């Protein structure tokens, strides 16, 4: 299931997947809600809020972190834990 949340001013929030071709709506400006990086010190993958850096989740498996991200930031699911509290990330993803 895919969910698009339309905010005042025409902004759309969603967990991006290829299931819906958002390019059909026009030019995209993409912001990450989280940052997933490996921590050498703890030997864990950390999921952090992209706007604040707050640690939201940690696991030795990157795939487990991606699963957590989908479960906590994706569409509401009655069986899923409450969504993580993330602030809007105002830093667009840039070409690297």
PDB file of N, CA and C in Angstrom:
ATOM      1  N   UNK A   1       0.849  -1.182   0.000  1.00  0.00           N
ATOM      2  CA  UNK A   1       0.000   0.000   0.000  1.00  0.00           C
ATOM      3  C   UNK A   1       0.887   1.235   0.000  1.00  0.00           C
ATOM      4  N   UNK A   2       0.549   2.192  -0.828  1.00  0.00           N
ATOM      5  CA  UNK A   2       1.279   3.454  -0.900  1.00  0.00           C
ATOM      6  C   UNK A   2       0.373   4.582  -0.452  1.00  0.00           C
ATOM      7  N   UNK A   3       0.931   5.507   0.303  1.00  0.00           N
ATOM      8  CA  UNK A   3       0.158   6.632   0.801  1.00  0.00           C
ATOM      9  C   UNK A   3       0.868   7.928   0.451  1.00  0.00           C
ATOM     10  N   UNK A   4       0.129   8.863  -0.108  1.00  0.00           N
ATOM     11  CA  UNK A   4       0.627  10.214  -0.348  1.00  0.00           C
ATOM     12  C   UNK A   4      -0.109  11.136   0.604  1.00  0.00           C
ATOM     13  N   UNK A   5       0.627  11.952   1.355  1.00  0.00           N
ATOM     14  CA  UNK A   5       0.010  12.929   2.254  1.00  0.00           C
ATOM     15  C   UNK A   5       0.203  14.299   1.636  1.00  0.00           C
ATOM     16  N   UNK A   6      -0.905  14.953   1.290  1.00  0.00           N
ATOM     17  CA  UNK A   6      -0.844  16.292   0.708  1.00  0.00           C
ATOM     18  C   UNK A   6      -0.943  17.317   1.825  1.00  0.00           C
ATOM     19  N   UNK A   7       0.041  18.212   1.876  1.00  0.00           N
ATOM     20  CA  UNK A   7       0.084  19.247   2.909  1.00  0.00           C
ATOM     21  C   UNK A   7      -0.349  20.571   2.314  1.00  0.00           C
ATOM     22  N   UNK A   8      -0.717  21.526   3.168  1.00  0.00           N
ATOM     23  CA  UNK A   8      -1.042  22.865   2.665  1.00  0.00           C
ATOM     24  C   UNK A   8       0.121  23.403   1.829  1.00  0.00           C
ATOM     25  N   UNK A   9      -0.198  24.088   0.773  1.00  0.00           N
ATOM     26  CA  UNK A   9       0.836  24.616  -0.104  1.00  0.00           C
ATOM     27  C   UNK A   9       1.209  23.665  -1.225  1.00  0.00           C
ATOM     28  N   UNK A  10       0.584  22.474  -1.235  1.00  0.00           N
ATOM     29  CA  UNK A  10       0.810  21.530  -2.320  1.00  0.00           C
ATOM     30  C   UNK A  10       1.958  20.566  -2.132  1.00  0.00           C
ATOM     31  N   UNK A  11       2.617  20.583  -0.976  1.00  0.00           N
ATOM     32  CA  UNK A  11       3.694  19.627  -0.734  1.00  0.00           C
ATOM     33  C   UNK A  11       3.109  18.239  -0.484  1.00  0.00           C
ATOM     34  N   UNK A  12       3.846  17.221  -0.887  1.00  0.00           N
ATOM     35  CA  UNK A  12       3.415  15.837  -0.708  1.00  0.00           C
ATOM     36  C   UNK A  12       4.461  15.116   0.125  1.00  0.00           C
ATOM     37  N   UNK A  13       4.026  14.392   1.156  1.00  0.00           N
ATOM     38  CA  UNK A  13       4.905  13.554   1.965  1.00  0.00           C
ATOM     39  C   UNK A  13       4.611  12.103   1.617  1.00  0.00           C
ATOM     40  N   UNK A  14       5.658  11.310   1.464  1.00  0.00           N
ATOM     41  CA  UNK A  14       5.460   9.878   1.242  1.00  0.00           C
ATOM     42  C   UNK A  14       6.779   9.157   1.472  1.00  0.00           C
ATOM     43  N   UNK A  15       6.691   7.857   1.646  1.00  0.00           N
ATOM     44  CA  UNK A  15       7.867   7.014   1.647  1.00  0.00           C
ATOM     45  C   UNK A  15       8.052   6.610   0.194  1.00  0.00           C
ATOM     46  N   UNK A  16       9.095   7.105  -0.434  1.00  0.00           N
ATOM     47  CA  UNK A  16       9.249   6.950  -1.882  1.00  0.00           C
ATOM     48  C   UNK A  16       9.497   5.497  -2.261  1.00  0.00           C
ATOM     49  N   UNK A  17       8.720   5.033  -3.201  1.00  0.00           N
ATOM     50  CA  UNK A  17       8.951   3.745  -3.846  1.00  0.00           C
ATOM     51  C   UNK A  17       8.715   3.954  -5.335  1.00  0.00           C
ATOM     52  N   UNK A  18       9.031   2.972  -6.109  1.00  0.00           N
ATOM     53  CA  UNK A  18       8.801   3.049  -7.551  1.00  0.00           C
ATOM     54  C   UNK A  18       7.375   2.646  -7.907  1.00  0.00           C
ATOM     55  N   UNK A  19       6.541   2.288  -6.913  1.00  0.00           N
ATOM     56  CA  UNK A  19       5.181   1.818  -7.173  1.00  0.00           C
ATOM     57  C   UNK A  19       4.308   2.892  -7.810  1.00  0.00           C
ATOM     58  N   UNK A  20       4.546   4.142  -7.453  1.00  0.00           N
ATOM     59  CA  UNK A  20       3.811   5.266  -8.040  1.00  0.00           C
ATOM     60  C   UNK A  20       4.845   6.154  -8.719  1.00  0.00           C
ATOM     61  N   UNK A  21       4.662   6.407 -10.018  1.00  0.00           N
ATOM     62  CA  UNK A  21       5.609   7.263 -10.737  1.00  0.00           C
ATOM     63  C   UNK A  21       5.302   8.725 -10.409  1.00  0.00           C
ATOM     64  N   UNK A  22       5.968   9.246  -9.390  1.00  0.00           N
ATOM     65  CA  UNK A  22       5.711  10.614  -8.947  1.00  0.00           C
ATOM     66  C   UNK A  22       6.149  11.653  -9.966  1.00  0.00           C
ATOM     67  N   UNK A  23       6.989  11.274 -10.919  1.00  0.00           N
ATOM     68  CA  UNK A  23       7.404  12.213 -11.966  1.00  0.00           C
ATOM     69  C   UNK A  23       6.218  12.648 -12.816  1.00  0.00           C
ATOM     70  N   UNK A  24       5.158  11.847 -12.818  1.00  0.00           N
ATOM     71  CA  UNK A  24       3.957  12.202 -13.582  1.00  0.00           C
ATOM     72  C   UNK A  24       3.294  13.448 -12.999  1.00  0.00           C
ATOM     73  N   UNK A  25       3.589  13.775 -11.730  1.00  0.00           N
ATOM     74  CA  UNK A  25       3.023  14.962 -11.094  1.00  0.00           C
ATOM     75  C   UNK A  25       3.798  16.226 -11.457  1.00  0.00           C
ATOM     76  N   UNK A  26       5.012  16.053 -11.976  1.00  0.00           N
ATOM     77  CA  UNK A  26       5.851  17.205 -12.309  1.00  0.00           C
ATOM     78  C   UNK A  26       7.261  17.014 -11.772  1.00  0.00           C
ATOM     79  N   UNK A  27       8.007  18.089 -11.723  1.00  0.00           N
ATOM     80  CA  UNK A  27       9.401  18.056 -11.261  1.00  0.00           C
ATOM     81  C   UNK A  27       9.439  17.735  -9.767  1.00  0.00           C
ATOM     82  N   UNK A  28      10.316  16.813  -9.390  1.00  0.00           N
ATOM     83  CA  UNK A  28      10.422  16.389  -7.991  1.00  0.00           C
ATOM     84  C   UNK A  28      11.534  17.138  -7.270  1.00  0.00           C
ATOM     85  N   UNK A  29      11.309  17.382  -5.988  1.00  0.00           N
ATOM     86  CA  UNK A  29      12.355  17.840  -5.078  1.00  0.00           C
ATOM     87  C   UNK A  29      12.297  16.867  -3.911  1.00  0.00           C
ATOM     88  N   UNK A  30      13.357  16.089  -3.731  1.00  0.00           N
ATOM     89  CA  UNK A  30      13.349  14.976  -2.789  1.00  0.00           C
ATOM     90  C   UNK A  30      14.147  15.328  -1.532  1.00  0.00           C
ATOM     91  N   UNK A  31      13.565  15.038  -0.378  1.00  0.00           N
ATOM     92  CA  UNK A  31      14.204  15.219   0.918  1.00  0.00           C
ATOM     93  C   UNK A  31      14.173  13.896   1.657  1.00  0.00           C
ATOM     94  N   UNK A  32      15.279  13.502   2.239  1.00  0.00           N
ATOM     95  CA  UNK A  32      15.326  12.272   3.030  1.00  0.00           C
ATOM     96  C   UNK A  32      14.828  12.557   4.439  1.00  0.00           C
ATOM     97  N   UNK A  33      14.022  11.652   4.976  1.00  0.00           N
ATOM     98  CA  UNK A  33      13.563  11.760   6.358  1.00  0.00           C
ATOM     99  C   UNK A  33      14.597  11.171   7.307  1.00  0.00           C
ATOM    100  N   UNK A  34      15.340  10.169   6.812  1.00  0.00           N
ATOM    101  CA  UNK A  34      16.344   9.523   7.655  1.00  0.00           C
ATOM    102  C   UNK A  34      17.664   9.408   6.919  1.00  0.00           C
ATOM    103  N   UNK A  35      18.691   9.115   7.687  1.00  0.00           N
ATOM    104  CA  UNK A  35      20.017   8.861   7.164  1.00  0.00           C
ATOM    105  C   UNK A  35      20.456   7.532   7.775  1.00  0.00           C
ATOM    106  N   UNK A  36      20.785   6.556   6.942  1.00  0.00           N
ATOM    107  CA  UNK A  36      21.207   5.241   7.432  1.00  0.00           C
ATOM    108  C   UNK A  36      22.690   5.077   7.114  1.00  0.00           C
ATOM    109  N   UNK A  37      23.489   4.946   8.167  1.00  0.00           N
ATOM    110  CA  UNK A  37      24.943   4.804   8.001  1.00  0.00           C
ATOM    111  C   UNK A  37      25.491   3.766   8.967  1.00  0.00           C
ATOM    112  N   UNK A  38      26.608   3.150   8.551  1.00  0.00           N
ATOM    113  CA  UNK A  38      27.275   2.163   9.390  1.00  0.00           C
ATOM    114  C   UNK A  38      28.189   2.866  10.381  1.00  0.00           C
ATOM    115  N   UNK A  39      28.141   2.425  11.628  1.00  0.00           N
ATOM    116  CA  UNK A  39      28.993   2.975  12.687  1.00  0.00           C
ATOM    117  C   UNK A  39      30.098   1.956  12.984  1.00  0.00           C
ATOM    118  N   UNK A  40      31.339   2.321  12.674  1.00  0.00           N
ATOM    119  CA  UNK A  40      32.455   1.403  12.900  1.00  0.00           C
ATOM    120  C   UNK A  40      32.632   1.072  14.381  1.00  0.00           C
ATOM    121  N   UNK A  41      32.399   2.057  15.241  1.00  0.00           N
ATOM    122  CA  UNK A  41      32.612   1.870  16.680  1.00  0.00           C
ATOM    123  C   UNK A  41      31.685   0.800  17.253  1.00  0.00           C
ATOM    124  N   UNK A  42      30.389   0.869  16.895  1.00  0.00           N
ATOM    125  CA  UNK A  42      29.417  -0.082  17.447  1.00  0.00           C
ATOM    126  C   UNK A  42      29.182  -1.280  16.540  1.00  0.00           C
ATOM    127  N   UNK A  43      29.701  -1.185  15.283  1.00  0.00           N
ATOM    128  CA  UNK A  43      29.484  -2.232  14.286  1.00  0.00           C
ATOM    129  C   UNK A  43      27.997  -2.469  14.031  1.00  0.00           C
ATOM    130  N   UNK A  44      27.265  -1.371  14.042  1.00  0.00           N
ATOM    131  CA  UNK A  44      25.821  -1.399  13.797  1.00  0.00           C
ATOM    132  C   UNK A  44      25.485  -0.383  12.709  1.00  0.00           C
ATOM    133  N   UNK A  45      24.356  -0.592  12.050  1.00  0.00           N
ATOM    134  CA  UNK A  45      23.782   0.401  11.147  1.00  0.00           C
ATOM    135  C   UNK A  45      22.878   1.291  11.983  1.00  0.00           C
ATOM    136  N   UNK A  46      23.009   2.592  11.835  1.00  0.00           N
ATOM    137  CA  UNK A  46      22.196   3.546  12.591  1.00  0.00           C
ATOM    138  C   UNK A  46      21.234   4.271  11.671  1.00  0.00           C
ATOM    139  N   UNK A  47      19.989   4.365  12.106  1.00  0.00           N
ATOM    140  CA  UNK A  47      18.985   5.171  11.414  1.00  0.00           C
ATOM    141  C   UNK A  47      18.852   6.449  12.222  1.00  0.00           C
ATOM    142  N   UNK A  48      19.150   7.572  11.586  1.00  0.00           N
ATOM    143  CA  UNK A  48      19.067   8.863  12.264  1.00  0.00           C
ATOM    144  C   UNK A  48      18.097   9.771  11.537  1.00  0.00           C
ATOM    145  N   UNK A  49      17.450  10.648  12.297  1.00  0.00           N
ATOM    146  CA  UNK A  49      16.600  11.670  11.705  1.00  0.00           C
ATOM    147  C   UNK A  49      17.509  12.568  10.872  1.00  0.00           C
ATOM    148  N   UNK A  50      17.180  12.742   9.586  1.00  0.00           N
ATOM    149  CA  UNK A  50      18.047  13.518   8.693  1.00  0.00           C
ATOM    150  C   UNK A  50      18.127  14.987   9.087  1.00  0.00           C
ATOM    151  N   UNK A  51      17.087  15.520   9.717  1.00  0.00           N
ATOM    152  CA  UNK A  51      17.104  16.938  10.051  1.00  0.00           C
ATOM    153  C   UNK A  51      17.740  17.242  11.406  1.00  0.00           C
ATOM    154  N   UNK A  52      17.683  16.291  12.346  1.00  0.00           N
ATOM    155  CA  UNK A  52      18.218  16.563  13.688  1.00  0.00           C
ATOM    156  C   UNK A  52      19.420  15.704  14.056  1.00  0.00           C
ATOM    157  N   UNK A  53      19.602  14.574  13.362  1.00  0.00           N
ATOM    158  CA  UNK A  53      20.676  13.657  13.701  1.00  0.00           C
ATOM    159  C   UNK A  53      20.335  12.716  14.840  1.00  0.00           C
ATOM    160  N   UNK A  54      19.124  12.826  15.396  1.00  0.00           N
ATOM    161  CA  UNK A  54      18.713  11.974  16.508  1.00  0.00           C
ATOM    162  C   UNK A  54      18.696  10.505  16.074  1.00  0.00           C
ATOM    163  N   UNK A  55      19.288   9.632  16.902  1.00  0.00           N
ATOM    164  CA  UNK A  55      19.290   8.198  16.634  1.00  0.00           C
ATOM    165  C   UNK A  55      17.884   7.646  16.836  1.00  0.00           C
ATOM    166  N   UNK A  56      17.347   7.011  15.795  1.00  0.00           N
ATOM    167  CA  UNK A  56      15.990   6.467  15.847  1.00  0.00           C
ATOM    168  C   UNK A  56      15.973   4.954  15.983  1.00  0.00           C
ATOM    169  N   UNK A  57      16.993   4.302  15.411  1.00  0.00           N
ATOM    170  CA  UNK A  57      17.032   2.837  15.424  1.00  0.00           C
ATOM    171  C   UNK A  57      18.444   2.384  15.101  1.00  0.00           C
ATOM    172  N   UNK A  58      18.821   1.215  15.591  1.00  0.00           N
ATOM    173  CA  UNK A  58      20.141   0.663  15.332  1.00  0.00           C
ATOM    174  C   UNK A  58      20.033  -0.849  15.203  1.00  0.00           C
ATOM    175  N   UNK A  59      20.812  -1.437  14.295  1.00  0.00           N
ATOM    176  CA  UNK A  59      20.770  -2.887  14.098  1.00  0.00           C
ATOM    177  C   UNK A  59      22.034  -3.303  13.344  1.00  0.00           C
ATOM    178  N   UNK A  60      22.524  -4.525  13.570  1.00  0.00           N
ATOM    179  CA  UNK A  60      23.691  -4.988  12.816  1.00  0.00           C
ATOM    180  C   UNK A  60      23.377  -5.189  11.330  1.00  0.00           C
ATOM    181  N   UNK A  61      22.100  -5.302  10.984  1.00  0.00           N
ATOM    182  CA  UNK A  61      21.684  -5.544   9.605  1.00  0.00           C
ATOM    183  C   UNK A  61      21.152  -4.265   8.961  1.00  0.00           C
ATOM    184  N   UNK A  62      21.730  -3.883   7.824  1.00  0.00           N
ATOM    185  CA  UNK A  62      21.224  -2.722   7.094  1.00  0.00           C
ATOM    186  C   UNK A  62      19.804  -2.989   6.600  1.00  0.00           C
ATOM    187  N   UNK A  63      19.549  -4.209   6.146  1.00  0.00           N
ATOM    188  CA  UNK A  63      18.202  -4.545   5.665  1.00  0.00           C
ATOM    189  C   UNK A  63      17.177  -4.404   6.790  1.00  0.00           C
ATOM    190  N   UNK A  64      17.562  -4.757   8.017  1.00  0.00           N
ATOM    191  CA  UNK A  64      16.656  -4.583   9.159  1.00  0.00           C
ATOM    192  C   UNK A  64      16.362  -3.100   9.386  1.00  0.00           C
ATOM    193  N   UNK A  65      17.358  -2.247   9.167  1.00  0.00           N
ATOM    194  CA  UNK A  65      17.152  -0.798   9.316  1.00  0.00           C
ATOM    195  C   UNK A  65      16.219  -0.276   8.225  1.00  0.00           C
ATOM    196  N   UNK A  66      16.375  -0.773   7.003  1.00  0.00           N
ATOM    197  CA  UNK A  66      15.472  -0.372   5.919  1.00  0.00           C
ATOM    198  C   UNK A  66      14.047  -0.841   6.196  1.00  0.00           C
ATOM    199  N   UNK A  67      13.911  -2.047   6.737  1.00  0.00           N
ATOM    200  CA  UNK A  67      12.594  -2.569   7.118  1.00  0.00           C
ATOM    201  C   UNK A  67      11.979  -1.708   8.208  1.00  0.00           C
ATOM    202  N   UNK A  68      12.792  -1.311   9.196  1.00  0.00           N
ATOM    203  CA  UNK A  68      12.310  -0.435  10.271  1.00  0.00           C
ATOM    204  C   UNK A  68      11.841   0.889   9.684  1.00  0.00           C
ATOM    205  N   UNK A  69      12.627   1.440   8.759  1.00  0.00           N
ATOM    206  CA  UNK A  69      12.277   2.719   8.136  1.00  0.00           C
ATOM    207  C   UNK A  69      10.918   2.620   7.432  1.00  0.00           C
ATOM    208  N   UNK A  70      10.716   1.569   6.656  1.00  0.00           N
ATOM    209  CA  UNK A  70       9.439   1.391   5.953  1.00  0.00           C
ATOM    210  C   UNK A  70       8.287   1.230   6.939  1.00  0.00           C
ATOM    211  N   UNK A  71       8.510   0.491   8.017  1.00  0.00           N
ATOM    212  CA  UNK A  71       7.444   0.236   8.999  1.00  0.00           C
ATOM    213  C   UNK A  71       7.092   1.489   9.803  1.00  0.00           C
ATOM    214  N   UNK A  72       8.084   2.324  10.073  1.00  0.00           N
ATOM    215  CA  UNK A  72       7.862   3.475  10.946  1.00  0.00           C
ATOM    216  C   UNK A  72       7.600   4.780  10.223  1.00  0.00           C
ATOM    217  N   UNK A  73       7.964   4.869   8.970  1.00  0.00           N
ATOM    218  CA  UNK A  73       7.768   6.107   8.224  1.00  0.00           C
ATOM    219  C   UNK A  73       6.809   5.929   7.062  1.00  0.00           C
ATOM    220  N   UNK A  74       6.391   4.716   6.812  1.00  0.00           N
ATOM    221  CA  UNK A  74       5.488   4.434   5.706  1.00  0.00           C
ATOM    222  C   UNK A  74       4.039   4.646   6.090  1.00  0.00           C
ATOM    223  N   UNK A  75       3.132   4.109   5.276  1.00  0.00           N
ATOM    224  CA  UNK A  75       1.707   4.280   5.543  1.00  0.00           C
ATOM    225  C   UNK A  75       1.309   3.651   6.871  1.00  0.00           C
ATOM    226  N   UNK A  76       0.270   4.185   7.515  1.00  0.00           N
ATOM    227  CA  UNK A  76      -0.172   3.649   8.799  1.00  0.00           C
ATOM    228  C   UNK A  76      -0.542   2.170   8.694  1.00  0.00           C
ATOM    229  N   UNK A  77      -0.141   1.435   9.689  1.00  0.00           N
ATOM    230  CA  UNK A  77      -0.455   0.014   9.796  1.00  0.00           C
ATOM    231  C   UNK A  77      -0.864  -0.231  11.241  1.00  0.00           C
ATOM    232  N   UNK A  78      -2.075  -0.747  11.473  1.00  0.00           N
ATOM    233  CA  UNK A  78      -2.529  -0.936  12.853  1.00  0.00           C
ATOM    234  C   UNK A  78      -1.610  -1.813  13.690  1.00  0.00           C
ATOM    235  N   UNK A  79      -0.854  -2.700  13.054  1.00  0.00           N
ATOM    236  CA  UNK A  79       0.017  -3.606  13.800  1.00  0.00           C
ATOM    237  C   UNK A  79       1.412  -3.043  14.007  1.00  0.00           C
ATOM    238  N   UNK A  80       1.727  -1.940  13.327  1.00  0.00           N
ATOM    239  CA  UNK A  80       3.072  -1.362  13.416  1.00  0.00           C
ATOM    240  C   UNK A  80       3.185  -0.459  14.635  1.00  0.00           C
ATOM    241  N   UNK A  81       4.408  -0.298  15.145  1.00  0.00           N
ATOM    242  CA  UNK A  81       4.600   0.651  16.244  1.00  0.00           C
ATOM    243  C   UNK A  81       4.307   2.066  15.767  1.00  0.00           C
ATOM    244  N   UNK A  82       4.121   2.984  16.723  1.00  0.00           N
ATOM    245  CA  UNK A  82       3.862   4.383  16.358  1.00  0.00           C
ATOM    246  C   UNK A  82       4.997   4.909  15.502  1.00  0.00           C
ATOM    247  N   UNK A  83       4.699   5.761  14.527  1.00  0.00           N
ATOM    248  CA  UNK A  83       5.752   6.315  13.664  1.00  0.00           C
ATOM    249  C   UNK A  83       6.782   7.095  14.457  1.00  0.00           C
ATOM    250  N   UNK A  84       8.002   7.046  13.953  1.00  0.00           N
ATOM    251  CA  UNK A  84       9.069   7.825  14.575  1.00  0.00           C
ATOM    252  C   UNK A  84       8.767   9.305  14.389  1.00  0.00           C
ATOM    253  N   UNK A  85       9.146  10.093  15.366  1.00  0.00           N
ATOM    254  CA  UNK A  85       8.924  11.527  15.281  1.00  0.00           C
ATOM    255  C   UNK A  85      10.090  12.156  14.521  1.00  0.00           C
ATOM    256  N   UNK A  86       9.868  12.499  13.271  1.00  0.00           N
ATOM    257  CA  UNK A  86      10.911  13.143  12.484  1.00  0.00           C
ATOM    258  C   UNK A  86      10.428  14.505  12.032  1.00  0.00           C
ATOM    259  N   UNK A  87      11.312  15.466  12.059  1.00  0.00           N
ATOM    260  CA  UNK A  87      11.013  16.801  11.569  1.00  0.00           C
ATOM    261  C   UNK A  87      11.274  16.831  10.073  1.00  0.00           C
ATOM    262  N   UNK A  88      10.668  17.764   9.360  1.00  0.00           N
ATOM    263  CA  UNK A  88      10.955  17.865   7.927  1.00  0.00           C
ATOM    264  C   UNK A  88      12.439  18.140   7.697  1.00  0.00           C
ATOM    265  N   UNK A  89      13.022  17.430   6.765  1.00  0.00           N
ATOM    266  CA  UNK A  89      14.410  17.662   6.377  1.00  0.00           C
ATOM    267  C   UNK A  89      14.410  18.718   5.292  1.00  0.00           C
ATOM    268  N   UNK A  90      15.064  19.818   5.515  1.00  0.00           N
ATOM    269  CA  UNK A  90      15.075  20.923   4.565  1.00  0.00           C
ATOM    270  C   UNK A  90      16.291  20.888   3.655  1.00  0.00           C
ATOM    271  N   UNK A  91      17.033  19.783   3.684  1.00  0.00           N
ATOM    272  CA  UNK A  91      18.223  19.623   2.851  1.00  0.00           C
ATOM    273  C   UNK A  91      17.905  18.662   1.718  1.00  0.00           C
ATOM    274  N   UNK A  92      17.659  19.176   0.495  1.00  0.00           N
ATOM    275  CA  UNK A  92      17.315  18.285  -0.607  1.00  0.00           C
ATOM    276  C   UNK A  92      18.446  17.330  -0.948  1.00  0.00           C
ATOM    277  N   UNK A  93      18.086  16.166  -1.461  1.00  0.00           N
ATOM    278  CA  UNK A  93      19.074  15.202  -1.936  1.00  0.00           C
ATOM    279  C   UNK A  93      19.717  15.809  -3.185  1.00  0.00           C
ATOM    280  N   UNK A  94      21.036  15.802  -3.231  1.00  0.00           N
ATOM    281  CA  UNK A  94      21.735  16.401  -4.360  1.00  0.00           C
ATOM    282  C   UNK A  94      22.434  15.320  -5.162  1.00  0.00           C
ATOM    283  N   UNK A  95      22.737  15.608  -6.408  1.00  0.00           N
ATOM    284  CA  UNK A  95      23.508  14.688  -7.238  1.00  0.00           C
ATOM    285  C   UNK A  95      24.911  14.606  -6.679  1.00  0.00           C
ATOM    286  N   UNK A  96      25.423  13.395  -6.577  1.00  0.00           N
ATOM    287  CA  UNK A  96      26.781  13.232  -6.031  1.00  0.00           C
ATOM    288  C   UNK A  96      27.638  12.513  -7.022  1.00  0.00           C
TER     289      UNK A  96
END
